[in-house]
Amino acid sequence: DEYQNYVNQLMAQWEGKFNSVVAKQQGEAAKDYGEEMGKIMTVARRLMHGDQVPMQDEKKLMEYDKDLYIMAKNAGMMARLEKRKKYL
């Protein structure tokens, strides 16, 4: 009985440490995901304004959301047409 209590205490300590490590890893993963999403949305915004971005950034956006990529490219094309001055 005393041995079982000791084993239970050890298991509780181990579970506590394990849970804290898992929580830390999940927090880091969520932070990394948030940073990556920020980068992807920045690329989409720049494309929508008609700016040029590196091809690898465009590819990352396309892999994340093909429809968002297409909308951003179309909006960028329209923005470039609006920026073009016409002299008649």
PDB file of N, CA and C in Angstrom:
ATOM      1  N   ASP A   1       0.828  -1.191   0.000  1.00  0.00           N
ATOM      2  CA  ASP A   1       0.000   0.000   0.000  1.00  0.00           C
ATOM      3  C   ASP A   1       0.874   1.258   0.000  1.00  0.00           C
ATOM      4  N   GLU A   2       1.899   1.267   0.827  1.00  0.00           N
ATOM      5  CA  GLU A   2       2.823   2.408   0.872  1.00  0.00           C
ATOM      6  C   GLU A   2       3.572   2.535  -0.458  1.00  0.00           C
ATOM      7  N   TYR A   3       3.944   1.394  -1.003  1.00  0.00           N
ATOM      8  CA  TYR A   3       4.638   1.382  -2.292  1.00  0.00           C
ATOM      9  C   TYR A   3       3.729   1.929  -3.396  1.00  0.00           C
ATOM     10  N   GLN A   4       2.475   1.533  -3.366  1.00  0.00           N
ATOM     11  CA  GLN A   4       1.523   2.002  -4.386  1.00  0.00           C
ATOM     12  C   GLN A   4       1.337   3.515  -4.299  1.00  0.00           C
ATOM     13  N   ASN A   5       1.274   4.059  -3.090  1.00  0.00           N
ATOM     14  CA  ASN A   5       1.158   5.509  -2.917  1.00  0.00           C
ATOM     15  C   ASN A   5       2.381   6.219  -3.489  1.00  0.00           C
ATOM     16  N   TYR A   6       3.561   5.647  -3.248  1.00  0.00           N
ATOM     17  CA  TYR A   6       4.802   6.223  -3.763  1.00  0.00           C
ATOM     18  C   TYR A   6       4.800   6.223  -5.294  1.00  0.00           C
ATOM     19  N   VAL A   7       4.386   5.108  -5.877  1.00  0.00           N
ATOM     20  CA  VAL A   7       4.323   5.002  -7.341  1.00  0.00           C
ATOM     21  C   VAL A   7       3.308   6.006  -7.897  1.00  0.00           C
ATOM     22  N   ASN A   8       2.178   6.154  -7.234  1.00  0.00           N
ATOM     23  CA  ASN A   8       1.164   7.114  -7.683  1.00  0.00           C
ATOM     24  C   ASN A   8       1.690   8.544  -7.637  1.00  0.00           C
ATOM     25  N   GLN A   9       2.451   8.871  -6.581  1.00  0.00           N
ATOM     26  CA  GLN A   9       3.039  10.206  -6.482  1.00  0.00           C
ATOM     27  C   GLN A   9       4.050  10.441  -7.606  1.00  0.00           C
ATOM     28  N   LEU A  10       4.874   9.434  -7.881  1.00  0.00           N
ATOM     29  CA  LEU A  10       5.843   9.559  -8.971  1.00  0.00           C
ATOM     30  C   LEU A  10       5.136   9.743 -10.315  1.00  0.00           C
ATOM     31  N   MET A  11       4.077   8.978 -10.531  1.00  0.00           N
ATOM     32  CA  MET A  11       3.328   9.096 -11.781  1.00  0.00           C
ATOM     33  C   MET A  11       2.692  10.481 -11.906  1.00  0.00           C
ATOM     34  N   ALA A  12       2.176  11.003 -10.810  1.00  0.00           N
ATOM     35  CA  ALA A  12       1.562  12.331 -10.838  1.00  0.00           C
ATOM     36  C   ALA A  12       2.610  13.391 -11.168  1.00  0.00           C
ATOM     37  N   GLN A  13       3.805  13.268 -10.592  1.00  0.00           N
ATOM     38  CA  GLN A  13       4.883  14.211 -10.898  1.00  0.00           C
ATOM     39  C   GLN A  13       5.287  14.103 -12.364  1.00  0.00           C
ATOM     40  N   TRP A  14       5.423  12.884 -12.852  1.00  0.00           N
ATOM     41  CA  TRP A  14       5.825  12.677 -14.239  1.00  0.00           C
ATOM     42  C   TRP A  14       4.775  13.246 -15.194  1.00  0.00           C
ATOM     43  N   GLU A  15       3.499  13.001 -14.887  1.00  0.00           N
ATOM     44  CA  GLU A  15       2.423  13.523 -15.733  1.00  0.00           C
ATOM     45  C   GLU A  15       2.419  15.044 -15.736  1.00  0.00           C
ATOM     46  N   GLY A  16       2.682  15.645 -14.588  1.00  0.00           N
ATOM     47  CA  GLY A  16       2.745  17.102 -14.511  1.00  0.00           C
ATOM     48  C   GLY A  16       3.856  17.667 -15.376  1.00  0.00           C
ATOM     49  N   LYS A  17       5.035  17.058 -15.296  1.00  0.00           N
ATOM     50  CA  LYS A  17       6.152  17.511 -16.128  1.00  0.00           C
ATOM     51  C   LYS A  17       5.853  17.293 -17.604  1.00  0.00           C
ATOM     52  N   PHE A  18       5.298  16.139 -17.929  1.00  0.00           N
ATOM     53  CA  PHE A  18       4.963  15.833 -19.320  1.00  0.00           C
ATOM     54  C   PHE A  18       3.962  16.850 -19.865  1.00  0.00           C
ATOM     55  N   ASN A  19       2.929  17.143 -19.081  1.00  0.00           N
ATOM     56  CA  ASN A  19       1.909  18.097 -19.525  1.00  0.00           C
ATOM     57  C   ASN A  19       2.486  19.491 -19.720  1.00  0.00           C
ATOM     58  N   SER A  20       3.414  19.896 -18.862  1.00  0.00           N
ATOM     59  CA  SER A  20       4.014  21.224 -19.023  1.00  0.00           C
ATOM     60  C   SER A  20       4.875  21.288 -20.278  1.00  0.00           C
ATOM     61  N   VAL A  21       5.590  20.207 -20.581  1.00  0.00           N
ATOM     62  CA  VAL A  21       6.404  20.169 -21.805  1.00  0.00           C
ATOM     63  C   VAL A  21       5.505  20.210 -23.037  1.00  0.00           C
ATOM     64  N   VAL A  22       4.429  19.445 -23.020  1.00  0.00           N
ATOM     65  CA  VAL A  22       3.498  19.426 -24.152  1.00  0.00           C
ATOM     66  C   VAL A  22       2.867  20.804 -24.340  1.00  0.00           C
ATOM     67  N   ALA A  23       2.472  21.447 -23.258  1.00  0.00           N
ATOM     68  CA  ALA A  23       1.862  22.772 -23.359  1.00  0.00           C
ATOM     69  C   ALA A  23       2.845  23.779 -23.947  1.00  0.00           C
ATOM     70  N   LYS A  24       4.094  23.683 -23.543  1.00  0.00           N
ATOM     71  CA  LYS A  24       5.118  24.589 -24.077  1.00  0.00           C
ATOM     72  C   LYS A  24       5.303  24.360 -25.574  1.00  0.00           C
ATOM     73  N   GLN A  25       5.358  23.100 -25.992  1.00  0.00           N
ATOM     74  CA  GLN A  25       5.524  22.783 -27.413  1.00  0.00           C
ATOM     75  C   GLN A  25       4.327  23.270 -28.226  1.00  0.00           C
ATOM     76  N   GLN A  26       3.134  23.103 -27.693  1.00  0.00           N
ATOM     77  CA  GLN A  26       1.940  23.552 -28.408  1.00  0.00           C
ATOM     78  C   GLN A  26       1.917  25.072 -28.518  1.00  0.00           C
ATOM     79  N   GLY A  27       2.364  25.751 -27.474  1.00  0.00           N
ATOM     80  CA  GLY A  27       2.434  27.208 -27.517  1.00  0.00           C
ATOM     81  C   GLY A  27       3.408  27.693 -28.570  1.00  0.00           C
ATOM     82  N   GLU A  28       4.558  27.033 -28.657  1.00  0.00           N
ATOM     83  CA  GLU A  28       5.546  27.400 -29.664  1.00  0.00           C
ATOM     84  C   GLU A  28       5.018  27.126 -31.069  1.00  0.00           C
ATOM     85  N   ALA A  29       4.324  26.012 -31.238  1.00  0.00           N
ATOM     86  CA  ALA A  29       3.764  25.675 -32.552  1.00  0.00           C
ATOM     87  C   ALA A  29       2.705  26.696 -32.959  1.00  0.00           C
ATOM     88  N   ALA A  30       1.873  27.109 -32.015  1.00  0.00           N
ATOM     89  CA  ALA A  30       0.846  28.105 -32.315  1.00  0.00           C
ATOM     90  C   ALA A  30       1.486  29.439 -32.678  1.00  0.00           C
ATOM     91  N   LYS A  31       2.546  29.791 -31.988  1.00  0.00           N
ATOM     92  CA  LYS A  31       3.254  31.044 -32.287  1.00  0.00           C
ATOM     93  C   LYS A  31       3.846  30.986 -33.688  1.00  0.00           C
ATOM     94  N   ASP A  32       4.495  29.877 -34.019  1.00  0.00           N
ATOM     95  CA  ASP A  32       5.077  29.717 -35.354  1.00  0.00           C
ATOM     96  C   ASP A  32       3.996  29.777 -36.426  1.00  0.00           C
ATOM     97  N   TYR A  33       2.863  29.141 -36.171  1.00  0.00           N
ATOM     98  CA  TYR A  33       1.755  29.153 -37.126  1.00  0.00           C
ATOM     99  C   TYR A  33       1.238  30.573 -37.325  1.00  0.00           C
ATOM    100  N   GLY A  34       1.116  31.311 -36.239  1.00  0.00           N
ATOM    101  CA  GLY A  34       0.647  32.695 -36.330  1.00  0.00           C
ATOM    102  C   GLY A  34       1.597  33.566 -37.131  1.00  0.00           C
ATOM    103  N   GLU A  35       2.891  33.385 -36.914  1.00  0.00           N
ATOM    104  CA  GLU A  35       3.878  34.153 -37.669  1.00  0.00           C
ATOM    105  C   GLU A  35       3.809  33.804 -39.151  1.00  0.00           C
ATOM    106  N   GLU A  36       3.660  32.526 -39.447  1.00  0.00           N
ATOM    107  CA  GLU A  36       3.575  32.085 -40.841  1.00  0.00           C
ATOM    108  C   GLU A  36       2.320  32.647 -41.508  1.00  0.00           C
ATOM    109  N   MET A  37       1.197  32.651 -40.789  1.00  0.00           N
ATOM    110  CA  MET A  37      -0.039  33.204 -41.340  1.00  0.00           C
ATOM    111  C   MET A  37       0.114  34.696 -41.613  1.00  0.00           C
ATOM    112  N   GLY A  38       0.799  35.395 -40.725  1.00  0.00           N
ATOM    113  CA  GLY A  38       1.042  36.820 -40.937  1.00  0.00           C
ATOM    114  C   GLY A  38       1.827  37.065 -42.213  1.00  0.00           C
ATOM    115  N   LYS A  39       2.835  36.240 -42.453  1.00  0.00           N
ATOM    116  CA  LYS A  39       3.638  36.376 -43.668  1.00  0.00           C
ATOM    117  C   LYS A  39       2.796  36.104 -44.912  1.00  0.00           C
ATOM    118  N   ILE A  40       1.979  35.065 -44.856  1.00  0.00           N
ATOM    119  CA  ILE A  40       1.145  34.712 -46.004  1.00  0.00           C
ATOM    120  C   ILE A  40       0.156  35.832 -46.312  1.00  0.00           C
ATOM    121  N   MET A  41      -0.461  36.395 -45.288  1.00  0.00           N
ATOM    122  CA  MET A  41      -1.428  37.466 -45.509  1.00  0.00           C
ATOM    123  C   MET A  41      -0.744  38.733 -46.018  1.00  0.00           C
ATOM    124  N   THR A  42       0.485  38.982 -45.586  1.00  0.00           N
ATOM    125  CA  THR A  42       1.238  40.128 -46.094  1.00  0.00           C
ATOM    126  C   THR A  42       1.516  39.963 -47.580  1.00  0.00           C
ATOM    127  N   VAL A  43       1.873  38.756 -47.988  1.00  0.00           N
ATOM    128  CA  VAL A  43       2.110  38.483 -49.409  1.00  0.00           C
ATOM    129  C   VAL A  43       0.824  38.724 -50.198  1.00  0.00           C
ATOM    130  N   ALA A  44      -0.301  38.241 -49.691  1.00  0.00           N
ATOM    131  CA  ALA A  44      -1.580  38.430 -50.379  1.00  0.00           C
ATOM    132  C   ALA A  44      -1.904  39.919 -50.504  1.00  0.00           C
ATOM    133  N   ARG A  45      -1.683  40.662 -49.439  1.00  0.00           N
ATOM    134  CA  ARG A  45      -1.966  42.106 -49.469  1.00  0.00           C
ATOM    135  C   ARG A  45      -1.100  42.810 -50.500  1.00  0.00           C
ATOM    136  N   ARG A  46       0.174  42.458 -50.542  1.00  0.00           N
ATOM    137  CA  ARG A  46       1.075  43.088 -51.504  1.00  0.00           C
ATOM    138  C   ARG A  46       0.674  42.756 -52.937  1.00  0.00           C
ATOM    139  N   LEU A  47       0.300  41.505 -53.166  1.00  0.00           N
ATOM    140  CA  LEU A  47      -0.154  41.131 -54.508  1.00  0.00           C
ATOM    141  C   LEU A  47      -1.416  41.903 -54.890  1.00  0.00           C
ATOM    142  N   MET A  48      -2.324  42.093 -53.936  1.00  0.00           N
ATOM    143  CA  MET A  48      -3.567  42.811 -54.210  1.00  0.00           C
ATOM    144  C   MET A  48      -3.312  44.266 -54.581  1.00  0.00           C
ATOM    145  N   HIS A  49      -2.231  44.829 -54.064  1.00  0.00           N
ATOM    146  CA  HIS A  49      -1.891  46.215 -54.384  1.00  0.00           C
ATOM    147  C   HIS A  49      -1.092  46.329 -55.670  1.00  0.00           C
ATOM    148  N   GLY A  50      -0.832  45.205 -56.317  1.00  0.00           N
ATOM    149  CA  GLY A  50      -0.101  45.230 -57.574  1.00  0.00           C
ATOM    150  C   GLY A  50       1.402  45.214 -57.413  1.00  0.00           C
ATOM    151  N   ASP A  51       1.881  44.949 -56.211  1.00  0.00           N
ATOM    152  CA  ASP A  51       3.319  44.911 -55.957  1.00  0.00           C
ATOM    153  C   ASP A  51       3.900  43.582 -56.410  1.00  0.00           C
ATOM    154  N   GLN A  52       5.207  43.587 -56.639  1.00  0.00           N
ATOM    155  CA  GLN A  52       5.901  42.350 -56.979  1.00  0.00           C
ATOM    156  C   GLN A  52       6.425  41.715 -55.696  1.00  0.00           C
ATOM    157  N   VAL A  53       6.301  40.416 -55.605  1.00  0.00           N
ATOM    158  CA  VAL A  53       6.819  39.663 -54.457  1.00  0.00           C
ATOM    159  C   VAL A  53       7.655  38.507 -54.990  1.00  0.00           C
ATOM    160  N   PRO A  54       8.563  37.974 -54.174  1.00  0.00           N
ATOM    161  CA  PRO A  54       9.369  36.838 -54.626  1.00  0.00           C
ATOM    162  C   PRO A  54       8.488  35.645 -55.009  1.00  0.00           C
ATOM    163  N   MET A  55       8.934  34.920 -56.006  1.00  0.00           N
ATOM    164  CA  MET A  55       8.157  33.784 -56.520  1.00  0.00           C
ATOM    165  C   MET A  55       7.904  32.737 -55.441  1.00  0.00           C
ATOM    166  N   GLN A  56       8.884  32.518 -54.556  1.00  0.00           N
ATOM    167  CA  GLN A  56       8.684  31.509 -53.511  1.00  0.00           C
ATOM    168  C   GLN A  56       7.577  31.932 -52.550  1.00  0.00           C
ATOM    169  N   ASP A  57       7.419  33.251 -52.328  1.00  0.00           N
ATOM    170  CA  ASP A  57       6.325  33.720 -51.481  1.00  0.00           C
ATOM    171  C   ASP A  57       4.978  33.507 -52.171  1.00  0.00           C
ATOM    172  N   GLU A  58       4.944  33.766 -53.481  1.00  0.00           N
ATOM    173  CA  GLU A  58       3.714  33.501 -54.234  1.00  0.00           C
ATOM    174  C   GLU A  58       3.358  32.019 -54.165  1.00  0.00           C
ATOM    175  N   LYS A  59       4.373  31.173 -54.295  1.00  0.00           N
ATOM    176  CA  LYS A  59       4.144  29.730 -54.258  1.00  0.00           C
ATOM    177  C   LYS A  59       3.594  29.304 -52.898  1.00  0.00           C
ATOM    178  N   LYS A  60       4.145  29.883 -51.830  1.00  0.00           N
ATOM    179  CA  LYS A  60       3.674  29.542 -50.484  1.00  0.00           C
ATOM    180  C   LYS A  60       2.208  29.942 -50.315  1.00  0.00           C
ATOM    181  N   LEU A  61       1.849  31.126 -50.834  1.00  0.00           N
ATOM    182  CA  LEU A  61       0.457  31.569 -50.774  1.00  0.00           C
ATOM    183  C   LEU A  61      -0.431  30.635 -51.585  1.00  0.00           C
ATOM    184  N   MET A  62       0.034  30.246 -52.764  1.00  0.00           N
ATOM    185  CA  MET A  62      -0.746  29.353 -53.622  1.00  0.00           C
ATOM    186  C   MET A  62      -0.963  28.005 -52.939  1.00  0.00           C
ATOM    187  N   GLU A  63       0.076  27.499 -52.259  1.00  0.00           N
ATOM    188  CA  GLU A  63      -0.053  26.218 -51.564  1.00  0.00           C
ATOM    189  C   GLU A  63      -1.000  26.326 -50.377  1.00  0.00           C
ATOM    190  N   TYR A  64      -1.009  27.500 -49.719  1.00  0.00           N
ATOM    191  CA  TYR A  64      -1.880  27.679 -48.562  1.00  0.00           C
ATOM    192  C   TYR A  64      -3.344  27.753 -48.994  1.00  0.00           C
ATOM    193  N   ASP A  65      -3.625  28.642 -49.975  1.00  0.00           N
ATOM    194  CA  ASP A  65      -5.012  28.824 -50.409  1.00  0.00           C
ATOM    195  C   ASP A  65      -5.020  29.292 -51.861  1.00  0.00           C
ATOM    196  N   LYS A  66      -5.325  28.376 -52.748  1.00  0.00           N
ATOM    197  CA  LYS A  66      -5.298  28.666 -54.186  1.00  0.00           C
ATOM    198  C   LYS A  66      -6.279  29.779 -54.543  1.00  0.00           C
ATOM    199  N   ASP A  67      -7.471  29.773 -53.947  1.00  0.00           N
ATOM    200  CA  ASP A  67      -8.476  30.791 -54.263  1.00  0.00           C
ATOM    201  C   ASP A  67      -8.034  32.177 -53.805  1.00  0.00           C
ATOM    202  N   LEU A  68      -7.429  32.267 -52.633  1.00  0.00           N
ATOM    203  CA  LEU A  68      -6.914  33.547 -52.147  1.00  0.00           C
ATOM    204  C   LEU A  68      -5.821  34.059 -53.077  1.00  0.00           C
ATOM    205  N   TYR A  69      -4.976  33.158 -53.552  1.00  0.00           N
ATOM    206  CA  TYR A  69      -3.909  33.531 -54.481  1.00  0.00           C
ATOM    207  C   TYR A  69      -4.502  34.104 -55.767  1.00  0.00           C
ATOM    208  N   ILE A  70      -5.495  33.436 -56.318  1.00  0.00           N
ATOM    209  CA  ILE A  70      -6.117  33.900 -57.567  1.00  0.00           C
ATOM    210  C   ILE A  70      -6.780  35.261 -57.364  1.00  0.00           C
ATOM    211  N   MET A  71      -7.494  35.435 -56.244  1.00  0.00           N
ATOM    212  CA  MET A  71      -8.133  36.722 -55.969  1.00  0.00           C
ATOM    213  C   MET A  71      -7.092  37.828 -55.830  1.00  0.00           C
ATOM    214  N   ALA A  72      -5.989  37.526 -55.145  1.00  0.00           N
ATOM    215  CA  ALA A  72      -4.939  38.527 -54.954  1.00  0.00           C
ATOM    216  C   ALA A  72      -4.312  38.916 -56.287  1.00  0.00           C
ATOM    217  N   LYS A  73      -4.049  37.932 -57.142  1.00  0.00           N
ATOM    218  CA  LYS A  73      -3.458  38.224 -58.453  1.00  0.00           C
ATOM    219  C   LYS A  73      -4.416  39.065 -59.305  1.00  0.00           C
ATOM    220  N   ASN A  74      -5.696  38.730 -59.293  1.00  0.00           N
ATOM    221  CA  ASN A  74      -6.678  39.501 -60.063  1.00  0.00           C
ATOM    222  C   ASN A  74      -6.804  40.928 -59.543  1.00  0.00           C
ATOM    223  N   ALA A  75      -6.846  41.083 -58.232  1.00  0.00           N
ATOM    224  CA  ALA A  75      -6.925  42.422 -57.649  1.00  0.00           C
ATOM    225  C   ALA A  75      -5.663  43.212 -57.976  1.00  0.00           C
ATOM    226  N   GLY A  76      -4.519  42.549 -57.967  1.00  0.00           N
ATOM    227  CA  GLY A  76      -3.265  43.217 -58.313  1.00  0.00           C
ATOM    228  C   GLY A  76      -3.248  43.674 -59.755  1.00  0.00           C
ATOM    229  N   MET A  77      -3.796  42.869 -60.637  1.00  0.00           N
ATOM    230  CA  MET A  77      -3.855  43.245 -62.047  1.00  0.00           C
ATOM    231  C   MET A  77      -4.735  44.481 -62.223  1.00  0.00           C
ATOM    232  N   MET A  78      -5.853  44.513 -61.521  1.00  0.00           N
ATOM    233  CA  MET A  78      -6.738  45.677 -61.599  1.00  0.00           C
ATOM    234  C   MET A  78      -6.068  46.908 -61.001  1.00  0.00           C
ATOM    235  N   ALA A  79      -5.327  46.735 -59.913  1.00  0.00           N
ATOM    236  CA  ALA A  79      -4.632  47.862 -59.292  1.00  0.00           C
ATOM    237  C   ALA A  79      -3.573  48.420 -60.233  1.00  0.00           C
ATOM    238  N   ARG A  80      -2.873  47.549 -60.937  1.00  0.00           N
ATOM    239  CA  ARG A  80      -1.856  48.020 -61.885  1.00  0.00           C
ATOM    240  C   ARG A  80      -2.505  48.777 -63.040  1.00  0.00           C
ATOM    241  N   LEU A  81      -3.664  48.326 -63.487  1.00  0.00           N
ATOM    242  CA  LEU A  81      -4.369  49.032 -64.558  1.00  0.00           C
ATOM    243  C   LEU A  81      -4.831  50.411 -64.103  1.00  0.00           C
ATOM    244  N   GLU A  82      -5.252  50.528 -62.856  1.00  0.00           N
ATOM    245  CA  GLU A  82      -5.683  51.824 -62.330  1.00  0.00           C
ATOM    246  C   GLU A  82      -4.508  52.775 -62.177  1.00  0.00           C
ATOM    247  N   LYS A  83      -3.341  52.249 -61.834  1.00  0.00           N
ATOM    248  CA  LYS A  83      -2.156  53.088 -61.659  1.00  0.00           C
ATOM    249  C   LYS A  83      -1.645  53.631 -62.988  1.00  0.00           C
ATOM    250  N   ARG A  84      -1.910  52.912 -64.061  1.00  0.00           N
ATOM    251  CA  ARG A  84      -1.425  53.323 -65.375  1.00  0.00           C
ATOM    252  C   ARG A  84      -2.126  54.613 -65.790  1.00  0.00           C
ATOM    253  N   LYS A  85      -1.355  55.604 -66.126  1.00  0.00           N
ATOM    254  CA  LYS A  85      -1.917  56.890 -66.531  1.00  0.00           C
ATOM    255  C   LYS A  85      -2.204  56.866 -68.020  1.00  0.00           C
ATOM    256  N   LYS A  86      -3.300  57.493 -68.363  1.00  0.00           N
ATOM    257  CA  LYS A  86      -3.662  57.582 -69.772  1.00  0.00           C
ATOM    258  C   LYS A  86      -3.585  59.041 -70.195  1.00  0.00           C
ATOM    259  N   TYR A  87      -2.894  59.284 -71.266  1.00  0.00           N
ATOM    260  CA  TYR A  87      -2.794  60.624 -71.825  1.00  0.00           C
ATOM    261  C   TYR A  87      -3.421  60.603 -73.207  1.00  0.00           C
ATOM    262  N   LEU A  88      -4.498  61.290 -73.340  1.00  0.00           N
ATOM    263  CA  LEU A  88      -5.198  61.304 -74.627  1.00  0.00           C
ATOM    264  C   LEU A  88      -5.031  62.626 -75.317  1.00  0.00           C
TER     265      LEU A  88
END
